[in-house]
């Protein structure tokens, strides 16, 4: 929720949680009314299985995102620089992250991580 609201980084996400503390406790029914600090958020994100998160997110998005033909969807891809191999070669292997975004809804509809292999 923090990232969808424009909060990036562990400290900013910690600020988001603190700022919306009461609402998060109420809506998520958090026991003992304790929300995570930025360091807890960091530990969770470091150990997160992003491939599993991607699958769950896309399943959720497909369930709630029926797109009419008149709606425009933007697709954007980013390569992860630290995954590039063979810098000297014209053909390189790297991991690419692609997302589909609805401008009218201001909503990410799907995310896909893929390995691009040189041929």
C-alpha atoms as a PDB file:
ATOM      1  CA  UNK A   1       0.000   0.000   0.000  1.00  0.00           C
ATOM      2  CA  UNK A   2       2.865   2.334   0.786  1.00  0.00           C
ATOM      3  CA  UNK A   3       4.532   1.819  -2.577  1.00  0.00           C
ATOM      4  CA  UNK A   4       1.226   2.252  -4.406  1.00  0.00           C
ATOM      5  CA  UNK A   5       0.915   5.568  -2.534  1.00  0.00           C
ATOM      6  CA  UNK A   6       4.339   6.766  -3.706  1.00  0.00           C
ATOM      7  CA  UNK A   7       6.431   5.804  -0.659  1.00  0.00           C
ATOM      8  CA  UNK A   8       9.739   4.176  -1.691  1.00  0.00           C
ATOM      9  CA  UNK A   9      12.494   2.793   0.494  1.00  0.00           C
ATOM     10  CA  UNK A  10      12.403   1.237   3.923  1.00  0.00           C
ATOM     11  CA  UNK A  11      12.351   4.478   5.902  1.00  0.00           C
ATOM     12  CA  UNK A  12       9.602   6.004   3.757  1.00  0.00           C
ATOM     13  CA  UNK A  13       7.527   2.829   4.083  1.00  0.00           C
ATOM     14  CA  UNK A  14       8.063   3.002   7.841  1.00  0.00           C
ATOM     15  CA  UNK A  15       6.769   6.600   7.770  1.00  0.00           C
ATOM     16  CA  UNK A  16       3.734   5.464   5.741  1.00  0.00           C
ATOM     17  CA  UNK A  17       2.958   2.767   8.316  1.00  0.00           C
ATOM     18  CA  UNK A  18       3.324   5.227  11.204  1.00  0.00           C
ATOM     19  CA  UNK A  19       1.266   7.901   9.432  1.00  0.00           C
ATOM     20  CA  UNK A  20      -1.602   5.455   8.734  1.00  0.00           C
ATOM     21  CA  UNK A  21      -1.138   3.443  11.909  1.00  0.00           C
ATOM     22  CA  UNK A  22      -4.693   3.682  13.241  1.00  0.00           C
ATOM     23  CA  UNK A  23      -6.331   2.862   9.921  1.00  0.00           C
ATOM     24  CA  UNK A  24      -3.977  -0.082   9.262  1.00  0.00           C
ATOM     25  CA  UNK A  25      -4.618  -1.538  12.727  1.00  0.00           C
ATOM     26  CA  UNK A  26      -8.364  -1.179  12.224  1.00  0.00           C
ATOM     27  CA  UNK A  27      -8.608  -2.473   8.625  1.00  0.00           C
ATOM     28  CA  UNK A  28      -6.045  -5.267   8.922  1.00  0.00           C
ATOM     29  CA  UNK A  29      -7.163  -6.213  12.444  1.00  0.00           C
ATOM     30  CA  UNK A  30      -3.577  -6.174  13.704  1.00  0.00           C
ATOM     31  CA  UNK A  31      -3.336  -7.854  17.109  1.00  0.00           C
ATOM     32  CA  UNK A  32      -1.922  -5.867  20.027  1.00  0.00           C
ATOM     33  CA  UNK A  33      -2.108  -2.710  17.867  1.00  0.00           C
ATOM     34  CA  UNK A  34       1.577  -2.991  16.823  1.00  0.00           C
ATOM     35  CA  UNK A  35       2.685  -1.949  13.342  1.00  0.00           C
ATOM     36  CA  UNK A  36       6.121  -2.801  11.917  1.00  0.00           C
ATOM     37  CA  UNK A  37       9.046  -0.380  12.003  1.00  0.00           C
ATOM     38  CA  UNK A  38      11.108   0.368   8.904  1.00  0.00           C
ATOM     39  CA  UNK A  39      13.761  -2.164  10.015  1.00  0.00           C
ATOM     40  CA  UNK A  40      11.128  -4.934  10.217  1.00  0.00           C
ATOM     41  CA  UNK A  41       9.847  -3.910   6.765  1.00  0.00           C
ATOM     42  CA  UNK A  42      13.427  -4.140   5.468  1.00  0.00           C
ATOM     43  CA  UNK A  43      13.967  -7.645   6.913  1.00  0.00           C
ATOM     44  CA  UNK A  44      10.717  -8.866   5.360  1.00  0.00           C
ATOM     45  CA  UNK A  45      11.525  -7.379   1.946  1.00  0.00           C
ATOM     46  CA  UNK A  46      15.062  -8.806   1.908  1.00  0.00           C
ATOM     47  CA  UNK A  47      13.676 -12.315   2.489  1.00  0.00           C
ATOM     48  CA  UNK A  48      10.641 -11.931   0.205  1.00  0.00           C
ATOM     49  CA  UNK A  49      10.150 -14.406  -2.649  1.00  0.00           C
ATOM     50  CA  UNK A  50       9.402 -11.920  -5.453  1.00  0.00           C
ATOM     51  CA  UNK A  51       8.448 -14.597  -7.975  1.00  0.00           C
ATOM     52  CA  UNK A  52       5.707 -15.866  -5.655  1.00  0.00           C
ATOM     53  CA  UNK A  53       4.593 -12.293  -4.910  1.00  0.00           C
ATOM     54  CA  UNK A  54       4.417 -11.604  -8.661  1.00  0.00           C
ATOM     55  CA  UNK A  55       2.159 -14.625  -9.205  1.00  0.00           C
ATOM     56  CA  UNK A  56      -0.161 -13.707  -6.333  1.00  0.00           C
ATOM     57  CA  UNK A  57      -0.314 -10.047  -7.407  1.00  0.00           C
ATOM     58  CA  UNK A  58      -1.145 -10.940 -11.001  1.00  0.00           C
ATOM     59  CA  UNK A  59      -3.864 -13.399  -9.907  1.00  0.00           C
ATOM     60  CA  UNK A  60      -5.397 -10.724  -7.666  1.00  0.00           C
ATOM     61  CA  UNK A  61      -5.175  -8.104 -10.401  1.00  0.00           C
ATOM     62  CA  UNK A  62      -6.854 -10.327 -13.007  1.00  0.00           C
ATOM     63  CA  UNK A  63      -9.721 -11.010 -10.633  1.00  0.00           C
ATOM     64  CA  UNK A  64     -10.450  -7.319 -10.051  1.00  0.00           C
ATOM     65  CA  UNK A  65      -9.331  -5.686 -13.308  1.00  0.00           C
ATOM     66  CA  UNK A  66     -11.761  -6.229 -16.152  1.00  0.00           C
ATOM     67  CA  UNK A  67     -10.482  -3.935 -18.913  1.00  0.00           C
ATOM     68  CA  UNK A  68     -12.921  -2.505 -21.483  1.00  0.00           C
ATOM     69  CA  UNK A  69     -11.666  -2.296 -25.084  1.00  0.00           C
ATOM     70  CA  UNK A  70     -11.761   1.515 -24.960  1.00  0.00           C
ATOM     71  CA  UNK A  71      -9.215   1.694 -22.120  1.00  0.00           C
ATOM     72  CA  UNK A  72      -5.561   2.398 -22.893  1.00  0.00           C
ATOM     73  CA  UNK A  73      -2.892   0.264 -21.258  1.00  0.00           C
ATOM     74  CA  UNK A  74       0.797   1.205 -21.143  1.00  0.00           C
ATOM     75  CA  UNK A  75       3.460  -1.472 -20.999  1.00  0.00           C
ATOM     76  CA  UNK A  76       6.885  -0.553 -19.644  1.00  0.00           C
ATOM     77  CA  UNK A  77      10.013  -2.631 -19.222  1.00  0.00           C
ATOM     78  CA  UNK A  78      13.132  -2.054 -17.176  1.00  0.00           C
ATOM     79  CA  UNK A  79      16.285  -4.114 -17.258  1.00  0.00           C
ATOM     80  CA  UNK A  80      18.064  -4.664 -13.961  1.00  0.00           C
ATOM     81  CA  UNK A  81      21.594  -3.373 -14.527  1.00  0.00           C
ATOM     82  CA  UNK A  82      23.228  -5.571 -11.900  1.00  0.00           C
ATOM     83  CA  UNK A  83      21.967  -8.717 -13.714  1.00  0.00           C
ATOM     84  CA  UNK A  84      23.685  -7.962 -17.044  1.00  0.00           C
ATOM     85  CA  UNK A  85      26.367 -10.438 -18.076  1.00  0.00           C
ATOM     86  CA  UNK A  86      28.940 -10.079 -20.863  1.00  0.00           C
ATOM     87  CA  UNK A  87      29.157  -6.274 -20.827  1.00  0.00           C
ATOM     88  CA  UNK A  88      31.614  -6.365 -23.733  1.00  0.00           C
ATOM     89  CA  UNK A  89      29.333  -8.417 -25.972  1.00  0.00           C
ATOM     90  CA  UNK A  90      26.497  -6.999 -28.125  1.00  0.00           C
ATOM     91  CA  UNK A  91      24.313  -9.913 -27.003  1.00  0.00           C
ATOM     92  CA  UNK A  92      23.769  -9.949 -23.245  1.00  0.00           C
ATOM     93  CA  UNK A  93      21.767 -11.875 -20.648  1.00  0.00           C
ATOM     94  CA  UNK A  94      19.822  -9.871 -18.051  1.00  0.00           C
ATOM     95  CA  UNK A  95      16.641  -9.835 -15.994  1.00  0.00           C
ATOM     96  CA  UNK A  96      13.848  -7.592 -17.217  1.00  0.00           C
ATOM     97  CA  UNK A  97      10.803  -6.381 -15.256  1.00  0.00           C
ATOM     98  CA  UNK A  98       7.710  -5.523 -17.323  1.00  0.00           C
ATOM     99  CA  UNK A  99       4.528  -3.914 -16.005  1.00  0.00           C
ATOM    100  CA  UNK A 100       1.126  -3.048 -17.482  1.00  0.00           C
ATOM    101  CA  UNK A 101      -0.448   0.212 -16.263  1.00  0.00           C
ATOM    102  CA  UNK A 102      -3.969   1.627 -16.694  1.00  0.00           C
ATOM    103  CA  UNK A 103      -3.874   5.434 -16.976  1.00  0.00           C
ATOM    104  CA  UNK A 104      -7.591   5.931 -16.401  1.00  0.00           C
ATOM    105  CA  UNK A 105      -7.492   3.867 -13.190  1.00  0.00           C
ATOM    106  CA  UNK A 106      -3.955   4.876 -12.181  1.00  0.00           C
ATOM    107  CA  UNK A 107      -3.396   1.215 -11.406  1.00  0.00           C
ATOM    108  CA  UNK A 108      -0.726  -1.395 -12.147  1.00  0.00           C
ATOM    109  CA  UNK A 109      -2.519  -4.337 -13.746  1.00  0.00           C
ATOM    110  CA  UNK A 110       0.292  -6.881 -13.987  1.00  0.00           C
ATOM    111  CA  UNK A 111       4.011  -7.315 -13.370  1.00  0.00           C
ATOM    112  CA  UNK A 112       6.317  -9.866 -14.963  1.00  0.00           C
ATOM    113  CA  UNK A 113       9.980 -10.625 -14.279  1.00  0.00           C
ATOM    114  CA  UNK A 114      11.737 -12.450 -17.076  1.00  0.00           C
ATOM    115  CA  UNK A 115      15.235 -13.556 -17.970  1.00  0.00           C
ATOM    116  CA  UNK A 116      16.331 -12.241 -21.358  1.00  0.00           C
ATOM    117  CA  UNK A 117      18.943 -14.528 -22.905  1.00  0.00           C
ATOM    118  CA  UNK A 118      21.213 -13.620 -25.787  1.00  0.00           C
ATOM    119  CA  UNK A 119      20.849 -15.737 -28.927  1.00  0.00           C
END
